[in-house]
Amino acid sequence: MVVYNISVKVDNAIGQDWLIWQQKEHIPENLATGLFRDCRMFRLLGHDDEDSSTYVIQYSANSRQQYDEYILMHAESLQQKEFKKWGNLFIAFRSLMQKVNYTDRKQY
């Protein structure tokens, strides 16, 4: 399993509207590609300032191939849609993570 992790710093001027848009439109559009099995969204605590809030959105895919297909076929158009709607009132950092299984917790 791989996780497509997106950290987003959102200007408070659009914060509530952006959050509703993510939950009602953008996340469902990403899931509708059929390439992610689920999505989790978090608000980072202790990282906010007076002007912004930070969120983490994580999409789980069964394989790297599904993630690669998403990037190739869907990511650019969905990201452009977000930029068109919100302009420079947010900044996003994207990363790909792989789930690590472990059996002996003493090693950590």
PDB file of N, CA and C in Angstrom:
ATOM      1  N   MET A   1       0.835  -1.180   0.000  1.00  0.00           N
ATOM      2  CA  MET A   1       0.000   0.000   0.000  1.00  0.00           C
ATOM      3  C   MET A   1       0.879   1.241   0.000  1.00  0.00           C
ATOM      4  N   VAL A   2       0.443   2.271  -0.741  1.00  0.00           N
ATOM      5  CA  VAL A   2       1.117   3.559  -0.726  1.00  0.00           C
ATOM      6  C   VAL A   2       0.109   4.627  -0.312  1.00  0.00           C
ATOM      7  N   VAL A   3       0.643   5.707   0.252  1.00  0.00           N
ATOM      8  CA  VAL A   3      -0.196   6.819   0.683  1.00  0.00           C
ATOM      9  C   VAL A   3       0.305   8.090   0.018  1.00  0.00           C
ATOM     10  N   TYR A   4      -0.601   8.746  -0.678  1.00  0.00           N
ATOM     11  CA  TYR A   4      -0.340  10.038  -1.297  1.00  0.00           C
ATOM     12  C   TYR A   4      -0.700  11.082  -0.249  1.00  0.00           C
ATOM     13  N   ASN A   5       0.319  11.752   0.274  1.00  0.00           N
ATOM     14  CA  ASN A   5       0.176  12.678   1.388  1.00  0.00           C
ATOM     15  C   ASN A   5       0.278  14.118   0.889  1.00  0.00           C
ATOM     16  N   ILE A   6      -0.712  14.934   1.205  1.00  0.00           N
ATOM     17  CA  ILE A   6      -0.727  16.328   0.782  1.00  0.00           C
ATOM     18  C   ILE A   6      -0.871  17.199   2.019  1.00  0.00           C
ATOM     19  N   SER A   7       0.130  18.015   2.286  1.00  0.00           N
ATOM     20  CA  SER A   7       0.069  18.985   3.379  1.00  0.00           C
ATOM     21  C   SER A   7      -0.284  20.333   2.771  1.00  0.00           C
ATOM     22  N   VAL A   8      -1.305  20.977   3.327  1.00  0.00           N
ATOM     23  CA  VAL A   8      -1.813  22.216   2.735  1.00  0.00           C
ATOM     24  C   VAL A   8      -1.932  23.292   3.811  1.00  0.00           C
ATOM     25  N   LYS A   9      -1.289  24.419   3.554  1.00  0.00           N
ATOM     26  CA  LYS A   9      -1.425  25.590   4.425  1.00  0.00           C
ATOM     27  C   LYS A   9      -2.434  26.510   3.751  1.00  0.00           C
ATOM     28  N   VAL A  10      -3.528  26.803   4.462  1.00  0.00           N
ATOM     29  CA  VAL A  10      -4.667  27.507   3.890  1.00  0.00           C
ATOM     30  C   VAL A  10      -4.860  28.844   4.597  1.00  0.00           C
ATOM     31  N   ASP A  11      -4.961  29.898   3.820  1.00  0.00           N
ATOM     32  CA  ASP A  11      -5.223  31.230   4.365  1.00  0.00           C
ATOM     33  C   ASP A  11      -6.588  31.225   5.059  1.00  0.00           C
ATOM     34  N   ASN A  12      -6.643  31.783   6.254  1.00  0.00           N
ATOM     35  CA  ASN A  12      -7.891  31.797   7.015  1.00  0.00           C
ATOM     36  C   ASN A  12      -9.010  32.551   6.308  1.00  0.00           C
ATOM     37  N   ALA A  13      -8.671  33.426   5.358  1.00  0.00           N
ATOM     38  CA  ALA A  13      -9.696  34.156   4.614  1.00  0.00           C
ATOM     39  C   ALA A  13     -10.598  33.211   3.822  1.00  0.00           C
ATOM     40  N   ILE A  14     -10.075  32.034   3.442  1.00  0.00           N
ATOM     41  CA  ILE A  14     -10.865  31.056   2.687  1.00  0.00           C
ATOM     42  C   ILE A  14     -11.042  29.754   3.455  1.00  0.00           C
ATOM     43  N   GLY A  15     -10.520  29.682   4.663  1.00  0.00           N
ATOM     44  CA  GLY A  15     -10.423  28.431   5.398  1.00  0.00           C
ATOM     45  C   GLY A  15     -11.680  27.588   5.445  1.00  0.00           C
ATOM     46  N   GLN A  16     -12.781  28.150   5.898  1.00  0.00           N
ATOM     47  CA  GLN A  16     -14.010  27.366   6.033  1.00  0.00           C
ATOM     48  C   GLN A  16     -14.559  26.956   4.676  1.00  0.00           C
ATOM     49  N   ASP A  17     -14.555  27.876   3.716  1.00  0.00           N
ATOM     50  CA  ASP A  17     -15.043  27.544   2.373  1.00  0.00           C
ATOM     51  C   ASP A  17     -14.166  26.497   1.706  1.00  0.00           C
ATOM     52  N   TRP A  18     -12.851  26.603   1.878  1.00  0.00           N
ATOM     53  CA  TRP A  18     -11.918  25.627   1.310  1.00  0.00           C
ATOM     54  C   TRP A  18     -12.173  24.248   1.903  1.00  0.00           C
ATOM     55  N   LEU A  19     -12.376  24.188   3.217  1.00  0.00           N
ATOM     56  CA  LEU A  19     -12.612  22.912   3.890  1.00  0.00           C
ATOM     57  C   LEU A  19     -13.888  22.251   3.386  1.00  0.00           C
ATOM     58  N   ILE A  20     -14.947  23.015   3.262  1.00  0.00           N
ATOM     59  CA  ILE A  20     -16.210  22.475   2.737  1.00  0.00           C
ATOM     60  C   ILE A  20     -16.027  21.999   1.301  1.00  0.00           C
ATOM     61  N   TRP A  21     -15.320  22.788   0.482  1.00  0.00           N
ATOM     62  CA  TRP A  21     -15.068  22.408  -0.909  1.00  0.00           C
ATOM     63  C   TRP A  21     -14.267  21.107  -0.983  1.00  0.00           C
ATOM     64  N   GLN A  22     -13.257  20.976  -0.134  1.00  0.00           N
ATOM     65  CA  GLN A  22     -12.478  19.739  -0.105  1.00  0.00           C
ATOM     66  C   GLN A  22     -13.386  18.545   0.185  1.00  0.00           C
ATOM     67  N   GLN A  23     -14.196  18.677   1.215  1.00  0.00           N
ATOM     68  CA  GLN A  23     -15.020  17.555   1.666  1.00  0.00           C
ATOM     69  C   GLN A  23     -16.157  17.216   0.711  1.00  0.00           C
ATOM     70  N   LYS A  24     -16.737  18.225   0.058  1.00  0.00           N
ATOM     71  CA  LYS A  24     -17.907  17.980  -0.789  1.00  0.00           C
ATOM     72  C   LYS A  24     -17.574  17.815  -2.266  1.00  0.00           C
ATOM     73  N   GLU A  25     -16.441  18.375  -2.712  1.00  0.00           N
ATOM     74  CA  GLU A  25     -16.126  18.326  -4.144  1.00  0.00           C
ATOM     75  C   GLU A  25     -14.779  17.677  -4.454  1.00  0.00           C
ATOM     76  N   HIS A  26     -13.716  18.256  -3.927  1.00  0.00           N
ATOM     77  CA  HIS A  26     -12.381  17.848  -4.365  1.00  0.00           C
ATOM     78  C   HIS A  26     -12.023  16.415  -3.950  1.00  0.00           C
ATOM     79  N   ILE A  27     -12.203  16.084  -2.702  1.00  0.00           N
ATOM     80  CA  ILE A  27     -11.902  14.715  -2.258  1.00  0.00           C
ATOM     81  C   ILE A  27     -12.784  13.707  -2.992  1.00  0.00           C
ATOM     82  N   PRO A  28     -14.106  13.932  -3.094  1.00  0.00           N
ATOM     83  CA  PRO A  28     -14.912  12.977  -3.872  1.00  0.00           C
ATOM     84  C   PRO A  28     -14.461  12.839  -5.331  1.00  0.00           C
ATOM     85  N   GLU A  29     -14.003  13.931  -5.948  1.00  0.00           N
ATOM     86  CA  GLU A  29     -13.494  13.844  -7.322  1.00  0.00           C
ATOM     87  C   GLU A  29     -12.251  12.964  -7.400  1.00  0.00           C
ATOM     88  N   ASN A  30     -11.361  13.119  -6.430  1.00  0.00           N
ATOM     89  CA  ASN A  30     -10.159  12.279  -6.405  1.00  0.00           C
ATOM     90  C   ASN A  30     -10.526  10.815  -6.197  1.00  0.00           C
ATOM     91  N   LEU A  31     -11.435  10.553  -5.287  1.00  0.00           N
ATOM     92  CA  LEU A  31     -11.848   9.167  -5.033  1.00  0.00           C
ATOM     93  C   LEU A  31     -12.592   8.574  -6.231  1.00  0.00           C
ATOM     94  N   ALA A  32     -13.301   9.413  -6.974  1.00  0.00           N
ATOM     95  CA  ALA A  32     -14.059   8.939  -8.138  1.00  0.00           C
ATOM     96  C   ALA A  32     -13.161   8.434  -9.267  1.00  0.00           C
ATOM     97  N   THR A  33     -11.874   8.748  -9.218  1.00  0.00           N
ATOM     98  CA  THR A  33     -10.964   8.197 -10.222  1.00  0.00           C
ATOM     99  C   THR A  33     -10.865   6.685 -10.099  1.00  0.00           C
ATOM    100  N   GLY A  34     -11.236   6.147  -8.934  1.00  0.00           N
ATOM    101  CA  GLY A  34     -11.163   4.714  -8.696  1.00  0.00           C
ATOM    102  C   GLY A  34      -9.767   4.221  -8.363  1.00  0.00           C
ATOM    103  N   LEU A  35      -8.824   5.136  -8.202  1.00  0.00           N
ATOM    104  CA  LEU A  35      -7.432   4.750  -7.971  1.00  0.00           C
ATOM    105  C   LEU A  35      -7.032   4.808  -6.501  1.00  0.00           C
ATOM    106  N   PHE A  36      -7.890   5.372  -5.667  1.00  0.00           N
ATOM    107  CA  PHE A  36      -7.639   5.412  -4.225  1.00  0.00           C
ATOM    108  C   PHE A  36      -8.752   4.671  -3.513  1.00  0.00           C
ATOM    109  N   ARG A  37      -8.396   3.967  -2.454  1.00  0.00           N
ATOM    110  CA  ARG A  37      -9.414   3.205  -1.734  1.00  0.00           C
ATOM    111  C   ARG A  37     -10.049   3.995  -0.604  1.00  0.00           C
ATOM    112  N   ASP A  38      -9.342   5.004  -0.097  1.00  0.00           N
ATOM    113  CA  ASP A  38      -9.933   5.842   0.939  1.00  0.00           C
ATOM    114  C   ASP A  38      -9.140   7.129   1.087  1.00  0.00           C
ATOM    115  N   CYS A  39      -9.667   7.996   1.921  1.00  0.00           N
ATOM    116  CA  CYS A  39      -9.033   9.289   2.173  1.00  0.00           C
ATOM    117  C   CYS A  39      -9.230   9.645   3.639  1.00  0.00           C
ATOM    118  N   ARG A  40      -8.194  10.220   4.227  1.00  0.00           N
ATOM    119  CA  ARG A  40      -8.261  10.733   5.598  1.00  0.00           C
ATOM    120  C   ARG A  40      -7.803  12.182   5.562  1.00  0.00           C
ATOM    121  N   MET A  41      -8.432  12.991   6.383  1.00  0.00           N
ATOM    122  CA  MET A  41      -8.063  14.406   6.437  1.00  0.00           C
ATOM    123  C   MET A  41      -7.852  14.791   7.895  1.00  0.00           C
ATOM    124  N   PHE A  42      -6.772  15.534   8.129  1.00  0.00           N
ATOM    125  CA  PHE A  42      -6.417  15.960   9.477  1.00  0.00           C
ATOM    126  C   PHE A  42      -6.108  17.453   9.483  1.00  0.00           C
ATOM    127  N   ARG A  43      -6.328  18.072  10.602  1.00  0.00           N
ATOM    128  CA  ARG A  43      -5.849  19.439  10.820  1.00  0.00           C
ATOM    129  C   ARG A  43      -4.671  19.346  11.764  1.00  0.00           C
ATOM    130  N   LEU A  44      -3.546  19.903  11.370  1.00  0.00           N
ATOM    131  CA  LEU A  44      -2.360  19.888  12.221  1.00  0.00           C
ATOM    132  C   LEU A  44      -2.578  20.813  13.409  1.00  0.00           C
ATOM    133  N   LEU A  45      -2.203  20.349  14.558  1.00  0.00           N
ATOM    134  CA  LEU A  45      -2.309  21.146  15.770  1.00  0.00           C
ATOM    135  C   LEU A  45      -0.954  21.744  16.092  1.00  0.00           C
ATOM    136  N   GLY A  46      -0.949  22.960  16.580  1.00  0.00           N
ATOM    137  CA  GLY A  46       0.296  23.597  16.977  1.00  0.00           C
ATOM    138  C   GLY A  46       1.087  24.206  15.843  1.00  0.00           C
ATOM    139  N   HIS A  47       0.537  24.204  14.625  1.00  0.00           N
ATOM    140  CA  HIS A  47       1.241  24.764  13.474  1.00  0.00           C
ATOM    141  C   HIS A  47       0.523  25.964  12.866  1.00  0.00           C
ATOM    142  N   ASP A  48      -0.612  26.314  13.433  1.00  0.00           N
ATOM    143  CA  ASP A  48      -1.369  27.432  12.886  1.00  0.00           C
ATOM    144  C   ASP A  48      -0.753  28.750  13.312  1.00  0.00           C
ATOM    145  N   ASP A  49      -1.002  29.754  12.516  1.00  0.00           N
ATOM    146  CA  ASP A  49      -0.647  31.103  12.908  1.00  0.00           C
ATOM    147  C   ASP A  49      -1.920  31.944  12.795  1.00  0.00           C
ATOM    148  N   GLU A  50      -1.799  33.233  12.955  1.00  0.00           N
ATOM    149  CA  GLU A  50      -2.981  34.091  12.905  1.00  0.00           C
ATOM    150  C   GLU A  50      -3.665  34.078  11.549  1.00  0.00           C
ATOM    151  N   ASP A  51      -2.910  33.806  10.500  1.00  0.00           N
ATOM    152  CA  ASP A  51      -3.428  33.957   9.147  1.00  0.00           C
ATOM    153  C   ASP A  51      -3.752  32.653   8.425  1.00  0.00           C
ATOM    154  N   SER A  52      -3.358  31.501   8.981  1.00  0.00           N
ATOM    155  CA  SER A  52      -3.550  30.262   8.225  1.00  0.00           C
ATOM    156  C   SER A  52      -3.708  29.053   9.141  1.00  0.00           C
ATOM    157  N   SER A  53      -4.207  27.986   8.532  1.00  0.00           N
ATOM    158  CA  SER A  53      -4.316  26.681   9.180  1.00  0.00           C
ATOM    159  C   SER A  53      -3.685  25.650   8.256  1.00  0.00           C
ATOM    160  N   THR A  54      -3.186  24.564   8.828  1.00  0.00           N
ATOM    161  CA  THR A  54      -2.533  23.525   8.039  1.00  0.00           C
ATOM    162  C   THR A  54      -3.322  22.228   8.146  1.00  0.00           C
ATOM    163  N   TYR A  55      -3.531  21.606   6.991  1.00  0.00           N
ATOM    164  CA  TYR A  55      -4.252  20.343   6.901  1.00  0.00           C
ATOM    165  C   TYR A  55      -3.381  19.304   6.211  1.00  0.00           C
ATOM    166  N   VAL A  56      -3.642  18.048   6.521  1.00  0.00           N
ATOM    167  CA  VAL A  56      -2.995  16.927   5.846  1.00  0.00           C
ATOM    168  C   VAL A  56      -4.098  16.042   5.287  1.00  0.00           C
ATOM    169  N   ILE A  57      -3.996  15.758   4.004  1.00  0.00           N
ATOM    170  CA  ILE A  57      -4.956  14.889   3.324  1.00  0.00           C
ATOM    171  C   ILE A  57      -4.176  13.674   2.829  1.00  0.00           C
ATOM    172  N   GLN A  58      -4.659  12.486   3.166  1.00  0.00           N
ATOM    173  CA  GLN A  58      -3.954  11.261   2.799  1.00  0.00           C
ATOM    174  C   GLN A  58      -4.881  10.336   2.017  1.00  0.00           C
ATOM    175  N   TYR A  59      -4.464  10.022   0.792  1.00  0.00           N
ATOM    176  CA  TYR A  59      -5.185   9.085  -0.060  1.00  0.00           C
ATOM    177  C   TYR A  59      -4.416   7.769  -0.082  1.00  0.00           C
ATOM    178  N   SER A  60      -5.094   6.661   0.177  1.00  0.00           N
ATOM    179  CA  SER A  60      -4.463   5.339   0.147  1.00  0.00           C
ATOM    180  C   SER A  60      -4.732   4.657  -1.181  1.00  0.00           C
ATOM    181  N   ALA A  61      -3.674   4.110  -1.762  1.00  0.00           N
ATOM    182  CA  ALA A  61      -3.790   3.328  -2.999  1.00  0.00           C
ATOM    183  C   ALA A  61      -3.228   1.938  -2.739  1.00  0.00           C
ATOM    184  N   ASN A  62      -3.767   0.961  -3.415  1.00  0.00           N
ATOM    185  CA  ASN A  62      -3.300  -0.413  -3.220  1.00  0.00           C
ATOM    186  C   ASN A  62      -1.908  -0.652  -3.770  1.00  0.00           C
ATOM    187  N   SER A  63      -1.496   0.173  -4.736  1.00  0.00           N
ATOM    188  CA  SER A  63      -0.193  -0.068  -5.361  1.00  0.00           C
ATOM    189  C   SER A  63       0.421   1.230  -5.861  1.00  0.00           C
ATOM    190  N   ARG A  64       1.701   1.187  -6.114  1.00  0.00           N
ATOM    191  CA  ARG A  64       2.408   2.313  -6.717  1.00  0.00           C
ATOM    192  C   ARG A  64       1.882   2.570  -8.127  1.00  0.00           C
ATOM    193  N   GLN A  65       1.499   1.511  -8.809  1.00  0.00           N
ATOM    194  CA  GLN A  65       0.981   1.654 -10.166  1.00  0.00           C
ATOM    195  C   GLN A  65      -0.302   2.484 -10.179  1.00  0.00           C
ATOM    196  N   GLN A  66      -1.160   2.288  -9.189  1.00  0.00           N
ATOM    197  CA  GLN A  66      -2.387   3.089  -9.123  1.00  0.00           C
ATOM    198  C   GLN A  66      -2.055   4.564  -8.878  1.00  0.00           C
ATOM    199  N   TYR A  67      -1.109   4.825  -7.985  1.00  0.00           N
ATOM    200  CA  TYR A  67      -0.677   6.199  -7.742  1.00  0.00           C
ATOM    201  C   TYR A  67      -0.105   6.801  -9.026  1.00  0.00           C
ATOM    202  N   ASP A  68       0.771   6.056  -9.706  1.00  0.00           N
ATOM    203  CA  ASP A  68       1.379   6.552 -10.950  1.00  0.00           C
ATOM    204  C   ASP A  68       0.308   6.870 -11.994  1.00  0.00           C
ATOM    205  N   GLU A  69      -0.701   6.026 -12.084  1.00  0.00           N
ATOM    206  CA  GLU A  69      -1.785   6.273 -13.035  1.00  0.00           C
ATOM    207  C   GLU A  69      -2.541   7.549 -12.659  1.00  0.00           C
ATOM    208  N   TYR A  70      -2.780   7.752 -11.369  1.00  0.00           N
ATOM    209  CA  TYR A  70      -3.440   8.981 -10.909  1.00  0.00           C
ATOM    210  C   TYR A  70      -2.616  10.209 -11.317  1.00  0.00           C
ATOM    211  N   ILE A  71      -1.326  10.169 -11.053  1.00  0.00           N
ATOM    212  CA  ILE A  71      -0.453  11.302 -11.388  1.00  0.00           C
ATOM    213  C   ILE A  71      -0.474  11.564 -12.888  1.00  0.00           C
ATOM    214  N   LEU A  72      -0.392  10.522 -13.677  1.00  0.00           N
ATOM    215  CA  LEU A  72      -0.341  10.653 -15.127  1.00  0.00           C
ATOM    216  C   LEU A  72      -1.667  11.117 -15.732  1.00  0.00           C
ATOM    217  N   MET A  73      -2.771  10.595 -15.224  1.00  0.00           N
ATOM    218  CA  MET A  73      -4.058  10.814 -15.876  1.00  0.00           C
ATOM    219  C   MET A  73      -4.945  11.888 -15.227  1.00  0.00           C
ATOM    220  N   HIS A  74      -4.754  12.186 -13.933  1.00  0.00           N
ATOM    221  CA  HIS A  74      -5.728  13.021 -13.231  1.00  0.00           C
ATOM    222  C   HIS A  74      -5.153  14.187 -12.427  1.00  0.00           C
ATOM    223  N   ALA A  75      -3.962  14.035 -11.892  1.00  0.00           N
ATOM    224  CA  ALA A  75      -3.443  15.001 -10.914  1.00  0.00           C
ATOM    225  C   ALA A  75      -3.405  16.425 -11.448  1.00  0.00           C
ATOM    226  N   GLU A  76      -2.869  16.620 -12.621  1.00  0.00           N
ATOM    227  CA  GLU A  76      -2.700  17.984 -13.130  1.00  0.00           C
ATOM    228  C   GLU A  76      -4.028  18.710 -13.275  1.00  0.00           C
ATOM    229  N   SER A  77      -5.011  18.061 -13.851  1.00  0.00           N
ATOM    230  CA  SER A  77      -6.294  18.741 -14.059  1.00  0.00           C
ATOM    231  C   SER A  77      -6.987  19.051 -12.735  1.00  0.00           C
ATOM    232  N   LEU A  78      -6.909  18.143 -11.772  1.00  0.00           N
ATOM    233  CA  LEU A  78      -7.534  18.397 -10.477  1.00  0.00           C
ATOM    234  C   LEU A  78      -6.790  19.482  -9.704  1.00  0.00           C
ATOM    235  N   GLN A  79      -5.475  19.505  -9.804  1.00  0.00           N
ATOM    236  CA  GLN A  79      -4.703  20.556  -9.137  1.00  0.00           C
ATOM    237  C   GLN A  79      -4.969  21.913  -9.784  1.00  0.00           C
ATOM    238  N   GLN A  80      -5.070  21.961 -11.103  1.00  0.00           N
ATOM    239  CA  GLN A  80      -5.367  23.218 -11.782  1.00  0.00           C
ATOM    240  C   GLN A  80      -6.745  23.743 -11.397  1.00  0.00           C
ATOM    241  N   LYS A  81      -7.675  22.850 -11.232  1.00  0.00           N
ATOM    242  CA  LYS A  81      -9.013  23.248 -10.792  1.00  0.00           C
ATOM    243  C   LYS A  81      -8.947  23.915  -9.419  1.00  0.00           C
ATOM    244  N   GLU A  82      -8.120  23.363  -8.541  1.00  0.00           N
ATOM    245  CA  GLU A  82      -7.949  23.929  -7.201  1.00  0.00           C
ATOM    246  C   GLU A  82      -7.295  25.311  -7.277  1.00  0.00           C
ATOM    247  N   PHE A  83      -6.253  25.430  -8.084  1.00  0.00           N
ATOM    248  CA  PHE A  83      -5.580  26.726  -8.227  1.00  0.00           C
ATOM    249  C   PHE A  83      -6.517  27.777  -8.841  1.00  0.00           C
ATOM    250  N   LYS A  84      -7.327  27.349  -9.795  1.00  0.00           N
ATOM    251  CA  LYS A  84      -8.265  28.283 -10.421  1.00  0.00           C
ATOM    252  C   LYS A  84      -9.274  28.799  -9.399  1.00  0.00           C
ATOM    253  N   LYS A  85      -9.711  27.936  -8.503  1.00  0.00           N
ATOM    254  CA  LYS A  85     -10.722  28.326  -7.517  1.00  0.00           C
ATOM    255  C   LYS A  85     -10.133  29.164  -6.387  1.00  0.00           C
ATOM    256  N   TRP A  86      -8.926  28.812  -5.893  1.00  0.00           N
ATOM    257  CA  TRP A  86      -8.396  29.432  -4.678  1.00  0.00           C
ATOM    258  C   TRP A  86      -7.152  30.292  -4.892  1.00  0.00           C
ATOM    259  N   GLY A  87      -6.605  30.293  -6.082  1.00  0.00           N
ATOM    260  CA  GLY A  87      -5.449  31.141  -6.368  1.00  0.00           C
ATOM    261  C   GLY A  87      -4.266  30.872  -5.458  1.00  0.00           C
ATOM    262  N   ASN A  88      -3.663  31.934  -4.978  1.00  0.00           N
ATOM    263  CA  ASN A  88      -2.469  31.791  -4.128  1.00  0.00           C
ATOM    264  C   ASN A  88      -2.811  31.860  -2.643  1.00  0.00           C
ATOM    265  N   LEU A  89      -4.046  31.539  -2.279  1.00  0.00           N
ATOM    266  CA  LEU A  89      -4.459  31.568  -0.870  1.00  0.00           C
ATOM    267  C   LEU A  89      -4.195  30.247  -0.152  1.00  0.00           C
ATOM    268  N   PHE A  90      -3.490  29.353  -0.820  1.00  0.00           N
ATOM    269  CA  PHE A  90      -3.068  28.096  -0.189  1.00  0.00           C
ATOM    270  C   PHE A  90      -1.736  27.678  -0.814  1.00  0.00           C
ATOM    271  N   ILE A  91      -1.032  26.836  -0.097  1.00  0.00           N
ATOM    272  CA  ILE A  91       0.191  26.240  -0.639  1.00  0.00           C
ATOM    273  C   ILE A  91       0.176  24.768  -0.242  1.00  0.00           C
ATOM    274  N   ALA A  92       0.544  23.915  -1.193  1.00  0.00           N
ATOM    275  CA  ALA A  92       0.491  22.473  -0.958  1.00  0.00           C
ATOM    276  C   ALA A  92       1.856  21.837  -1.190  1.00  0.00           C
ATOM    277  N   PHE A  93       2.173  20.876  -0.340  1.00  0.00           N
ATOM    278  CA  PHE A  93       3.384  20.076  -0.470  1.00  0.00           C
ATOM    279  C   PHE A  93       2.942  18.621  -0.552  1.00  0.00           C
ATOM    280  N   ARG A  94       3.365  17.936  -1.597  1.00  0.00           N
ATOM    281  CA  ARG A  94       2.926  16.560  -1.829  1.00  0.00           C
ATOM    282  C   ARG A  94       4.074  15.571  -1.672  1.00  0.00           C
ATOM    283  N   SER A  95       3.757  14.411  -1.111  1.00  0.00           N
ATOM    284  CA  SER A  95       4.760  13.360  -0.965  1.00  0.00           C
ATOM    285  C   SER A  95       4.079  12.004  -1.090  1.00  0.00           C
ATOM    286  N   LEU A  96       4.868  11.000  -1.378  1.00  0.00           N
ATOM    287  CA  LEU A  96       4.384   9.625  -1.479  1.00  0.00           C
ATOM    288  C   LEU A  96       5.042   8.815  -0.388  1.00  0.00           C
ATOM    289  N   MET A  97       4.239   8.046   0.320  1.00  0.00           N
ATOM    290  CA  MET A  97       4.756   7.237   1.423  1.00  0.00           C
ATOM    291  C   MET A  97       4.369   5.784   1.208  1.00  0.00           C
ATOM    292  N   GLN A  98       5.202   4.912   1.721  1.00  0.00           N
ATOM    293  CA  GLN A  98       4.922   3.484   1.651  1.00  0.00           C
ATOM    294  C   GLN A  98       4.715   2.968   3.060  1.00  0.00           C
ATOM    295  N   LYS A  99       3.684   2.165   3.238  1.00  0.00           N
ATOM    296  CA  LYS A  99       3.411   1.575   4.542  1.00  0.00           C
ATOM    297  C   LYS A  99       4.521   0.585   4.880  1.00  0.00           C
ATOM    298  N   VAL A 100       5.015   0.666   6.111  1.00  0.00           N
ATOM    299  CA  VAL A 100       6.056  -0.231   6.584  1.00  0.00           C
ATOM    300  C   VAL A 100       5.435  -1.151   7.628  1.00  0.00           C
ATOM    301  N   ASN A 101       5.529  -2.426   7.376  1.00  0.00           N
ATOM    302  CA  ASN A 101       5.040  -3.411   8.342  1.00  0.00           C
ATOM    303  C   ASN A 101       6.194  -3.847   9.230  1.00  0.00           C
ATOM    304  N   TYR A 102       5.908  -4.057  10.473  1.00  0.00           N
ATOM    305  CA  TYR A 102       6.945  -4.555  11.373  1.00  0.00           C
ATOM    306  C   TYR A 102       6.331  -5.570  12.314  1.00  0.00           C
ATOM    307  N   THR A 103       7.173  -6.493  12.770  1.00  0.00           N
ATOM    308  CA  THR A 103       6.680  -7.547  13.642  1.00  0.00           C
ATOM    309  C   THR A 103       7.284  -7.476  15.041  1.00  0.00           C
ATOM    310  N   ASP A 104       8.436  -6.851  15.162  1.00  0.00           N
ATOM    311  CA  ASP A 104       9.099  -6.792  16.459  1.00  0.00           C
ATOM    312  C   ASP A 104       9.259  -5.341  16.873  1.00  0.00           C
ATOM    313  N   ARG A 105       8.407  -4.876  17.770  1.00  0.00           N
ATOM    314  CA  ARG A 105       8.441  -3.472  18.195  1.00  0.00           C
ATOM    315  C   ARG A 105       9.708  -3.137  18.967  1.00  0.00           C
ATOM    316  N   LYS A 106      10.424  -4.101  19.472  1.00  0.00           N
ATOM    317  CA  LYS A 106      11.645  -3.832  20.221  1.00  0.00           C
ATOM    318  C   LYS A 106      12.724  -3.199  19.351  1.00  0.00           C
ATOM    319  N   GLN A 107      12.616  -3.391  18.033  1.00  0.00           N
ATOM    320  CA  GLN A 107      13.600  -2.799  17.122  1.00  0.00           C
ATOM    321  C   GLN A 107      13.433  -1.303  17.023  1.00  0.00           C
ATOM    322  N   TYR A 108      12.299  -0.782  17.431  1.00  0.00           N
ATOM    323  CA  TYR A 108      12.028   0.639  17.288  1.00  0.00           C
ATOM    324  C   TYR A 108      12.114   1.270  18.634  1.00  0.00           C
TER     325      TYR A 108
END
